[in-house]
Amino acid sequence: DVIRWFGERDKIFNVHFRNIAGRKPTFEETFPDEGDIDVIEAARAYGESGYTGMSVPDHAPKIAGENAGTVAFAHCHGYIRAVLQSIDALVD
């Protein structure tokens, strides 16, 4: 697994969580809980490899409505934070 390989060698310096549906060149950005990547397993792999650095949302998908960008980013940030806290609770 790529995350574990780089993590065990201390070669991960910053994590930008994002998720996608599909493959290059026609993929679509999704919210972290909606794409093809298992974000929970990825977060677990970062932790098991010893990564303790920063983890932040990458791009948030576009949504409609007032303050859409802020709402989309808040959803991404909250989901990622909950995933990381859940993994920490399982490890402790």
PDB file of N, CA and C in Angstrom:
ATOM      1  N   ASP A   1       0.847  -1.186   0.000  1.00  0.00           N
ATOM      2  CA  ASP A   1       0.000   0.000   0.000  1.00  0.00           C
ATOM      3  C   ASP A   1       0.887   1.242   0.000  1.00  0.00           C
ATOM      4  N   VAL A   2       0.546   2.183  -0.843  1.00  0.00           N
ATOM      5  CA  VAL A   2       1.371   3.377  -1.060  1.00  0.00           C
ATOM      6  C   VAL A   2       1.492   4.226   0.200  1.00  0.00           C
ATOM      7  N   ILE A   3       0.393   4.426   0.912  1.00  0.00           N
ATOM      8  CA  ILE A   3       0.440   5.256   2.121  1.00  0.00           C
ATOM      9  C   ILE A   3       1.401   4.654   3.136  1.00  0.00           C
ATOM     10  N   ARG A   4       1.268   3.382   3.394  1.00  0.00           N
ATOM     11  CA  ARG A   4       2.147   2.731   4.377  1.00  0.00           C
ATOM     12  C   ARG A   4       3.608   2.763   3.921  1.00  0.00           C
ATOM     13  N   TRP A   5       3.863   2.534   2.633  1.00  0.00           N
ATOM     14  CA  TRP A   5       5.236   2.516   2.123  1.00  0.00           C
ATOM     15  C   TRP A   5       5.919   3.855   2.369  1.00  0.00           C
ATOM     16  N   PHE A   6       5.257   4.955   1.976  1.00  0.00           N
ATOM     17  CA  PHE A   6       5.852   6.275   2.181  1.00  0.00           C
ATOM     18  C   PHE A   6       5.852   6.667   3.654  1.00  0.00           C
ATOM     19  N   GLY A   7       4.785   6.339   4.378  1.00  0.00           N
ATOM     20  CA  GLY A   7       4.703   6.690   5.795  1.00  0.00           C
ATOM     21  C   GLY A   7       5.777   6.037   6.631  1.00  0.00           C
ATOM     22  N   GLU A   8       6.049   4.763   6.386  1.00  0.00           N
ATOM     23  CA  GLU A   8       7.080   4.047   7.146  1.00  0.00           C
ATOM     24  C   GLU A   8       8.476   4.583   6.867  1.00  0.00           C
ATOM     25  N   ARG A   9       8.637   5.307   5.789  1.00  0.00           N
ATOM     26  CA  ARG A   9       9.926   5.903   5.434  1.00  0.00           C
ATOM     27  C   ARG A   9       9.973   7.396   5.766  1.00  0.00           C
ATOM     28  N   ASP A  10       8.962   7.877   6.514  1.00  0.00           N
ATOM     29  CA  ASP A  10       8.856   9.293   6.890  1.00  0.00           C
ATOM     30  C   ASP A  10       8.890  10.213   5.676  1.00  0.00           C
ATOM     31  N   LYS A  11       8.175   9.847   4.636  1.00  0.00           N
ATOM     32  CA  LYS A  11       8.150  10.637   3.406  1.00  0.00           C
ATOM     33  C   LYS A  11       6.785  11.277   3.148  1.00  0.00           C
ATOM     34  N   ILE A  12       5.937  11.314   4.165  1.00  0.00           N
ATOM     35  CA  ILE A  12       4.658  12.019   4.052  1.00  0.00           C
ATOM     36  C   ILE A  12       4.768  13.251   4.936  1.00  0.00           C
ATOM     37  N   PHE A  13       4.553  14.415   4.340  1.00  0.00           N
ATOM     38  CA  PHE A  13       4.773  15.661   5.065  1.00  0.00           C
ATOM     39  C   PHE A  13       3.490  16.444   5.321  1.00  0.00           C
ATOM     40  N   ASN A  14       2.462  16.215   4.539  1.00  0.00           N
ATOM     41  CA  ASN A  14       1.198  16.916   4.692  1.00  0.00           C
ATOM     42  C   ASN A  14       0.143  16.125   3.919  1.00  0.00           C
ATOM     43  N   VAL A  15      -1.022  15.940   4.509  1.00  0.00           N
ATOM     44  CA  VAL A  15      -2.080  15.175   3.855  1.00  0.00           C
ATOM     45  C   VAL A  15      -3.229  16.109   3.494  1.00  0.00           C
ATOM     46  N   HIS A  16      -3.600  16.096   2.224  1.00  0.00           N
ATOM     47  CA  HIS A  16      -4.774  16.810   1.736  1.00  0.00           C
ATOM     48  C   HIS A  16      -5.802  15.746   1.373  1.00  0.00           C
ATOM     49  N   PHE A  17      -6.806  15.574   2.237  1.00  0.00           N
ATOM     50  CA  PHE A  17      -7.837  14.567   1.978  1.00  0.00           C
ATOM     51  C   PHE A  17      -8.789  15.059   0.889  1.00  0.00           C
ATOM     52  N   ARG A  18      -9.039  14.194  -0.061  1.00  0.00           N
ATOM     53  CA  ARG A  18     -10.061  14.440  -1.076  1.00  0.00           C
ATOM     54  C   ARG A  18     -10.572  13.087  -1.530  1.00  0.00           C
ATOM     55  N   ASN A  19     -11.665  13.084  -2.225  1.00  0.00           N
ATOM     56  CA  ASN A  19     -12.179  11.839  -2.771  1.00  0.00           C
ATOM     57  C   ASN A  19     -12.681  12.113  -4.178  1.00  0.00           C
ATOM     58  N   ILE A  20     -12.709  11.078  -4.986  1.00  0.00           N
ATOM     59  CA  ILE A  20     -13.174  11.196  -6.362  1.00  0.00           C
ATOM     60  C   ILE A  20     -14.034   9.989  -6.712  1.00  0.00           C
ATOM     61  N   ALA A  21     -14.829  10.159  -7.741  1.00  0.00           N
ATOM     62  CA  ALA A  21     -15.573   9.051  -8.338  1.00  0.00           C
ATOM     63  C   ALA A  21     -15.106   8.945  -9.780  1.00  0.00           C
ATOM     64  N   GLY A  22     -14.761   7.746 -10.199  1.00  0.00           N
ATOM     65  CA  GLY A  22     -14.293   7.561 -11.561  1.00  0.00           C
ATOM     66  C   GLY A  22     -12.782   7.552 -11.643  1.00  0.00           C
ATOM     67  N   ARG A  23     -12.298   7.587 -12.848  1.00  0.00           N
ATOM     68  CA  ARG A  23     -10.857   7.526 -13.104  1.00  0.00           C
ATOM     69  C   ARG A  23     -10.461   8.613 -14.101  1.00  0.00           C
ATOM     70  N   LYS A  24      -9.172   8.888 -14.129  1.00  0.00           N
ATOM     71  CA  LYS A  24      -8.628   9.851 -15.070  1.00  0.00           C
ATOM     72  C   LYS A  24      -8.939   9.387 -16.484  1.00  0.00           C
ATOM     73  N   PRO A  25      -9.364  10.191 -17.385  1.00  0.00           N
ATOM     74  CA  PRO A  25      -9.469  11.647 -17.341  1.00  0.00           C
ATOM     75  C   PRO A  25     -10.875  12.155 -17.018  1.00  0.00           C
ATOM     76  N   THR A  26     -11.804  11.281 -16.640  1.00  0.00           N
ATOM     77  CA  THR A  26     -13.194  11.717 -16.459  1.00  0.00           C
ATOM     78  C   THR A  26     -13.675  11.580 -15.021  1.00  0.00           C
ATOM     79  N   PHE A  27     -12.791  11.758 -14.049  1.00  0.00           N
ATOM     80  CA  PHE A  27     -13.222  11.638 -12.659  1.00  0.00           C
ATOM     81  C   PHE A  27     -13.990  12.873 -12.224  1.00  0.00           C
ATOM     82  N   GLU A  28     -14.708  12.734 -11.122  1.00  0.00           N
ATOM     83  CA  GLU A  28     -15.459  13.841 -10.539  1.00  0.00           C
ATOM     84  C   GLU A  28     -15.090  13.945  -9.067  1.00  0.00           C
ATOM     85  N   GLU A  29     -14.797  15.164  -8.608  1.00  0.00           N
ATOM     86  CA  GLU A  29     -14.514  15.353  -7.184  1.00  0.00           C
ATOM     87  C   GLU A  29     -15.803  15.155  -6.394  1.00  0.00           C
ATOM     88  N   THR A  30     -15.680  14.484  -5.249  1.00  0.00           N
ATOM     89  CA  THR A  30     -16.832  14.229  -4.389  1.00  0.00           C
ATOM     90  C   THR A  30     -16.497  14.651  -2.959  1.00  0.00           C
ATOM     91  N   PHE A  31     -17.488  14.622  -2.108  1.00  0.00           N
ATOM     92  CA  PHE A  31     -17.217  14.795  -0.686  1.00  0.00           C
ATOM     93  C   PHE A  31     -16.448  13.572  -0.195  1.00  0.00           C
ATOM     94  N   PRO A  32     -15.691  13.706   0.890  1.00  0.00           N
ATOM     95  CA  PRO A  32     -14.855  12.593   1.355  1.00  0.00           C
ATOM     96  C   PRO A  32     -15.629  11.303   1.615  1.00  0.00           C
ATOM     97  N   ASP A  33     -16.883  11.414   2.000  1.00  0.00           N
ATOM     98  CA  ASP A  33     -17.671  10.221   2.322  1.00  0.00           C
ATOM     99  C   ASP A  33     -18.448   9.662   1.131  1.00  0.00           C
ATOM    100  N   GLU A  34     -18.222  10.174  -0.067  1.00  0.00           N
ATOM    101  CA  GLU A  34     -19.030   9.758  -1.212  1.00  0.00           C
ATOM    102  C   GLU A  34     -18.249   9.142  -2.372  1.00  0.00           C
ATOM    103  N   GLY A  35     -16.950   9.201  -2.394  1.00  0.00           N
ATOM    104  CA  GLY A  35     -16.191   8.765  -3.561  1.00  0.00           C
ATOM    105  C   GLY A  35     -15.779   7.308  -3.532  1.00  0.00           C
ATOM    106  N   ASP A  36     -14.875   6.969  -4.438  1.00  0.00           N
ATOM    107  CA  ASP A  36     -14.403   5.595  -4.599  1.00  0.00           C
ATOM    108  C   ASP A  36     -13.339   5.199  -3.578  1.00  0.00           C
ATOM    109  N   ILE A  37     -12.680   6.162  -2.975  1.00  0.00           N
ATOM    110  CA  ILE A  37     -11.594   5.883  -2.030  1.00  0.00           C
ATOM    111  C   ILE A  37     -12.175   5.660  -0.636  1.00  0.00           C
ATOM    112  N   ASP A  38     -11.696   4.655   0.055  1.00  0.00           N
ATOM    113  CA  ASP A  38     -12.106   4.378   1.434  1.00  0.00           C
ATOM    114  C   ASP A  38     -11.301   5.297   2.352  1.00  0.00           C
ATOM    115  N   VAL A  39     -11.876   6.448   2.673  1.00  0.00           N
ATOM    116  CA  VAL A  39     -11.177   7.465   3.457  1.00  0.00           C
ATOM    117  C   VAL A  39     -10.844   6.947   4.852  1.00  0.00           C
ATOM    118  N   ILE A  40     -11.701   6.129   5.420  1.00  0.00           N
ATOM    119  CA  ILE A  40     -11.433   5.580   6.754  1.00  0.00           C
ATOM    120  C   ILE A  40     -10.211   4.673   6.706  1.00  0.00           C
ATOM    121  N   GLU A  41     -10.123   3.829   5.710  1.00  0.00           N
ATOM    122  CA  GLU A  41      -8.955   2.955   5.571  1.00  0.00           C
ATOM    123  C   GLU A  41      -7.693   3.770   5.293  1.00  0.00           C
ATOM    124  N   ALA A  42      -7.809   4.818   4.502  1.00  0.00           N
ATOM    125  CA  ALA A  42      -6.651   5.680   4.240  1.00  0.00           C
ATOM    126  C   ALA A  42      -6.172   6.332   5.533  1.00  0.00           C
ATOM    127  N   ALA A  43      -7.100   6.859   6.336  1.00  0.00           N
ATOM    128  CA  ALA A  43      -6.725   7.484   7.607  1.00  0.00           C
ATOM    129  C   ALA A  43      -6.082   6.467   8.538  1.00  0.00           C
ATOM    130  N   ARG A  44      -6.615   5.262   8.559  1.00  0.00           N
ATOM    131  CA  ARG A  44      -6.028   4.196   9.378  1.00  0.00           C
ATOM    132  C   ARG A  44      -4.595   3.907   8.913  1.00  0.00           C
ATOM    133  N   ALA A  45      -4.373   3.862   7.616  1.00  0.00           N
ATOM    134  CA  ALA A  45      -3.037   3.589   7.072  1.00  0.00           C
ATOM    135  C   ALA A  45      -2.055   4.695   7.451  1.00  0.00           C
ATOM    136  N   TYR A  46      -2.501   5.947   7.412  1.00  0.00           N
ATOM    137  CA  TYR A  46      -1.618   7.044   7.842  1.00  0.00           C
ATOM    138  C   TYR A  46      -1.211   6.852   9.295  1.00  0.00           C
ATOM    139  N   GLY A  47      -2.174   6.545  10.153  1.00  0.00           N
ATOM    140  CA  GLY A  47      -1.871   6.346  11.568  1.00  0.00           C
ATOM    141  C   GLY A  47      -0.960   5.167  11.813  1.00  0.00           C
ATOM    142  N   GLU A  48      -1.235   4.043  11.164  1.00  0.00           N
ATOM    143  CA  GLU A  48      -0.420   2.840  11.363  1.00  0.00           C
ATOM    144  C   GLU A  48       1.002   3.010  10.843  1.00  0.00           C
ATOM    145  N   SER A  49       1.182   3.899   9.877  1.00  0.00           N
ATOM    146  CA  SER A  49       2.525   4.114   9.337  1.00  0.00           C
ATOM    147  C   SER A  49       3.329   5.107  10.174  1.00  0.00           C
ATOM    148  N   GLY A  50       2.684   5.684  11.190  1.00  0.00           N
ATOM    149  CA  GLY A  50       3.389   6.604  12.074  1.00  0.00           C
ATOM    150  C   GLY A  50       3.239   8.069  11.717  1.00  0.00           C
ATOM    151  N   TYR A  51       2.423   8.389  10.724  1.00  0.00           N
ATOM    152  CA  TYR A  51       2.242   9.789  10.334  1.00  0.00           C
ATOM    153  C   TYR A  51       1.514  10.544  11.439  1.00  0.00           C
ATOM    154  N   THR A  52       2.071  11.675  11.854  1.00  0.00           N
ATOM    155  CA  THR A  52       1.450  12.495  12.902  1.00  0.00           C
ATOM    156  C   THR A  52       1.285  13.947  12.461  1.00  0.00           C
ATOM    157  N   GLY A  53       1.473  14.215  11.189  1.00  0.00           N
ATOM    158  CA  GLY A  53       1.403  15.585  10.684  1.00  0.00           C
ATOM    159  C   GLY A  53      -0.011  16.068  10.463  1.00  0.00           C
ATOM    160  N   MET A  54      -0.107  17.152   9.738  1.00  0.00           N
ATOM    161  CA  MET A  54      -1.370  17.820   9.482  1.00  0.00           C
ATOM    162  C   MET A  54      -2.183  17.076   8.421  1.00  0.00           C
ATOM    163  N   SER A  55      -3.493  17.015   8.625  1.00  0.00           N
ATOM    164  CA  SER A  55      -4.421  16.450   7.643  1.00  0.00           C
ATOM    165  C   SER A  55      -5.535  17.460   7.434  1.00  0.00           C
ATOM    166  N   VAL A  56      -5.695  17.925   6.205  1.00  0.00           N
ATOM    167  CA  VAL A  56      -6.674  18.966   5.904  1.00  0.00           C
ATOM    168  C   VAL A  56      -7.501  18.574   4.682  1.00  0.00           C
ATOM    169  N   PRO A  57      -8.689  19.164   4.542  1.00  0.00           N
ATOM    170  CA  PRO A  57      -9.459  18.918   3.324  1.00  0.00           C
ATOM    171  C   PRO A  57      -8.747  19.518   2.116  1.00  0.00           C
ATOM    172  N   ASP A  58      -8.907  18.881   0.979  1.00  0.00           N
ATOM    173  CA  ASP A  58      -8.405  19.436  -0.271  1.00  0.00           C
ATOM    174  C   ASP A  58      -9.549  20.232  -0.891  1.00  0.00           C
ATOM    175  N   HIS A  59      -9.893  19.979  -2.098  1.00  0.00           N
ATOM    176  CA  HIS A  59     -10.996  20.689  -2.737  1.00  0.00           C
ATOM    177  C   HIS A  59     -12.332  20.155  -2.239  1.00  0.00           C
ATOM    178  N   ALA A  60     -13.289  21.059  -2.133  1.00  0.00           N
ATOM    179  CA  ALA A  60     -14.660  20.650  -1.815  1.00  0.00           C
ATOM    180  C   ALA A  60     -15.474  20.732  -3.103  1.00  0.00           C
ATOM    181  N   PRO A  61     -16.345  19.773  -3.342  1.00  0.00           N
ATOM    182  CA  PRO A  61     -17.157  19.845  -4.560  1.00  0.00           C
ATOM    183  C   PRO A  61     -18.086  21.050  -4.530  1.00  0.00           C
ATOM    184  N   LYS A  62     -18.463  21.506  -5.696  1.00  0.00           N
ATOM    185  CA  LYS A  62     -19.370  22.646  -5.790  1.00  0.00           C
ATOM    186  C   LYS A  62     -20.784  22.197  -5.456  1.00  0.00           C
ATOM    187  N   ILE A  63     -21.451  23.021  -4.652  1.00  0.00           N
ATOM    188  CA  ILE A  63     -22.853  22.783  -4.318  1.00  0.00           C
ATOM    189  C   ILE A  63     -23.610  24.089  -4.495  1.00  0.00           C
ATOM    190  N   ALA A  64     -24.910  24.015  -4.555  1.00  0.00           N
ATOM    191  CA  ALA A  64     -25.740  25.198  -4.715  1.00  0.00           C
ATOM    192  C   ALA A  64     -26.140  25.742  -3.351  1.00  0.00           C
ATOM    193  N   GLY A  65     -26.486  27.005  -3.332  1.00  0.00           N
ATOM    194  CA  GLY A  65     -27.024  27.596  -2.116  1.00  0.00           C
ATOM    195  C   GLY A  65     -26.170  28.727  -1.581  1.00  0.00           C
ATOM    196  N   GLU A  66     -26.727  29.386  -0.586  1.00  0.00           N
ATOM    197  CA  GLU A  66     -26.046  30.503   0.047  1.00  0.00           C
ATOM    198  C   GLU A  66     -24.813  30.009   0.802  1.00  0.00           C
ATOM    199  N   ASN A  67     -23.717  30.722   0.677  1.00  0.00           N
ATOM    200  CA  ASN A  67     -22.448  30.358   1.325  1.00  0.00           C
ATOM    201  C   ASN A  67     -22.021  28.933   0.974  1.00  0.00           C
ATOM    202  N   ALA A  68     -22.258  28.533  -0.265  1.00  0.00           N
ATOM    203  CA  ALA A  68     -22.031  27.151  -0.689  1.00  0.00           C
ATOM    204  C   ALA A  68     -20.597  26.691  -0.453  1.00  0.00           C
ATOM    205  N   GLY A  69     -19.626  27.522  -0.772  1.00  0.00           N
ATOM    206  CA  GLY A  69     -18.228  27.127  -0.586  1.00  0.00           C
ATOM    207  C   GLY A  69     -17.895  26.874   0.871  1.00  0.00           C
ATOM    208  N   THR A  70     -18.385  27.741   1.744  1.00  0.00           N
ATOM    209  CA  THR A  70     -18.136  27.585   3.177  1.00  0.00           C
ATOM    210  C   THR A  70     -18.824  26.332   3.713  1.00  0.00           C
ATOM    211  N   VAL A  71     -20.048  26.107   3.284  1.00  0.00           N
ATOM    212  CA  VAL A  71     -20.796  24.926   3.725  1.00  0.00           C
ATOM    213  C   VAL A  71     -20.104  23.647   3.252  1.00  0.00           C
ATOM    214  N   ALA A  72     -19.676  23.612   1.999  1.00  0.00           N
ATOM    215  CA  ALA A  72     -19.008  22.425   1.458  1.00  0.00           C
ATOM    216  C   ALA A  72     -17.699  22.157   2.195  1.00  0.00           C
ATOM    217  N   PHE A  73     -16.908  23.208   2.426  1.00  0.00           N
ATOM    218  CA  PHE A  73     -15.642  23.031   3.137  1.00  0.00           C
ATOM    219  C   PHE A  73     -15.892  22.572   4.572  1.00  0.00           C
ATOM    220  N   ALA A  74     -16.904  23.137   5.235  1.00  0.00           N
ATOM    221  CA  ALA A  74     -17.219  22.742   6.612  1.00  0.00           C
ATOM    222  C   ALA A  74     -17.611  21.266   6.679  1.00  0.00           C
ATOM    223  N   HIS A  75     -18.368  20.800   5.706  1.00  0.00           N
ATOM    224  CA  HIS A  75     -18.739  19.380   5.668  1.00  0.00           C
ATOM    225  C   HIS A  75     -17.483  18.520   5.539  1.00  0.00           C
ATOM    226  N   CYS A  76     -16.604  18.872   4.612  1.00  0.00           N
ATOM    227  CA  CYS A  76     -15.361  18.108   4.413  1.00  0.00           C
ATOM    228  C   CYS A  76     -14.518  18.104   5.682  1.00  0.00           C
ATOM    229  N   HIS A  77     -14.332  19.266   6.270  1.00  0.00           N
ATOM    230  CA  HIS A  77     -13.507  19.381   7.477  1.00  0.00           C
ATOM    231  C   HIS A  77     -14.109  18.565   8.623  1.00  0.00           C
ATOM    232  N   GLY A  78     -15.414  18.686   8.823  1.00  0.00           N
ATOM    233  CA  GLY A  78     -16.069  17.949   9.907  1.00  0.00           C
ATOM    234  C   GLY A  78     -15.985  16.447   9.722  1.00  0.00           C
ATOM    235  N   TYR A  79     -16.163  15.990   8.490  1.00  0.00           N
ATOM    236  CA  TYR A  79     -16.092  14.552   8.228  1.00  0.00           C
ATOM    237  C   TYR A  79     -14.682  14.028   8.485  1.00  0.00           C
ATOM    238  N   ILE A  80     -13.701  14.725   7.976  1.00  0.00           N
ATOM    239  CA  ILE A  80     -12.306  14.292   8.168  1.00  0.00           C
ATOM    240  C   ILE A  80     -11.944  14.302   9.644  1.00  0.00           C
ATOM    241  N   ARG A  81     -12.357  15.332  10.346  1.00  0.00           N
ATOM    242  CA  ARG A  81     -12.068  15.394  11.785  1.00  0.00           C
ATOM    243  C   ARG A  81     -12.708  14.217  12.521  1.00  0.00           C
ATOM    244  N   ALA A  82     -13.949  13.900  12.182  1.00  0.00           N
ATOM    245  CA  ALA A  82     -14.632  12.768  12.825  1.00  0.00           C
ATOM    246  C   ALA A  82     -13.929  11.449  12.519  1.00  0.00           C
ATOM    247  N   VAL A  83     -13.488  11.267  11.282  1.00  0.00           N
ATOM    248  CA  VAL A  83     -12.762  10.043  10.921  1.00  0.00           C
ATOM    249  C   VAL A  83     -11.488   9.929  11.747  1.00  0.00           C
ATOM    250  N   LEU A  84     -10.717  11.005  11.821  1.00  0.00           N
ATOM    251  CA  LEU A  84      -9.454  10.968  12.570  1.00  0.00           C
ATOM    252  C   LEU A  84      -9.695  10.722  14.058  1.00  0.00           C
ATOM    253  N   GLN A  85     -10.721  11.349  14.626  1.00  0.00           N
ATOM    254  CA  GLN A  85     -11.033  11.123  16.038  1.00  0.00           C
ATOM    255  C   GLN A  85     -11.479   9.682  16.279  1.00  0.00           C
ATOM    256  N   SER A  86     -12.229   9.118  15.367  1.00  0.00           N
ATOM    257  CA  SER A  86     -12.669   7.724  15.505  1.00  0.00           C
ATOM    258  C   SER A  86     -11.487   6.774  15.472  1.00  0.00           C
ATOM    259  N   ILE A  87     -10.566   7.014  14.565  1.00  0.00           N
ATOM    260  CA  ILE A  87      -9.378   6.149  14.462  1.00  0.00           C
ATOM    261  C   ILE A  87      -8.536   6.278  15.729  1.00  0.00           C
ATOM    262  N   ASP A  88      -8.371   7.511  16.219  1.00  0.00           N
ATOM    263  CA  ASP A  88      -7.616   7.709  17.466  1.00  0.00           C
ATOM    264  C   ASP A  88      -8.264   6.940  18.614  1.00  0.00           C
ATOM    265  N   ALA A  89      -9.599   6.959  18.689  1.00  0.00           N
ATOM    266  CA  ALA A  89     -10.302   6.260  19.767  1.00  0.00           C
ATOM    267  C   ALA A  89     -10.103   4.751  19.668  1.00  0.00           C
ATOM    268  N   LEU A  90     -10.041   4.228  18.460  1.00  0.00           N
ATOM    269  CA  LEU A  90      -9.830   2.791  18.287  1.00  0.00           C
ATOM    270  C   LEU A  90      -8.420   2.370  18.675  1.00  0.00           C
ATOM    271  N   VAL A  91      -7.458   3.258  18.454  1.00  0.00           N
ATOM    272  CA  VAL A  91      -6.058   2.947  18.750  1.00  0.00           C
ATOM    273  C   VAL A  91      -5.786   3.043  20.248  1.00  0.00           C
ATOM    274  N   ASP A  92      -6.422   4.008  20.910  1.00  0.00           N
ATOM    275  CA  ASP A  92      -6.173   4.227  22.354  1.00  0.00           C
ATOM    276  C   ASP A  92      -6.699   3.120  23.206  1.00  0.00           C
TER     277      ASP A  92
END
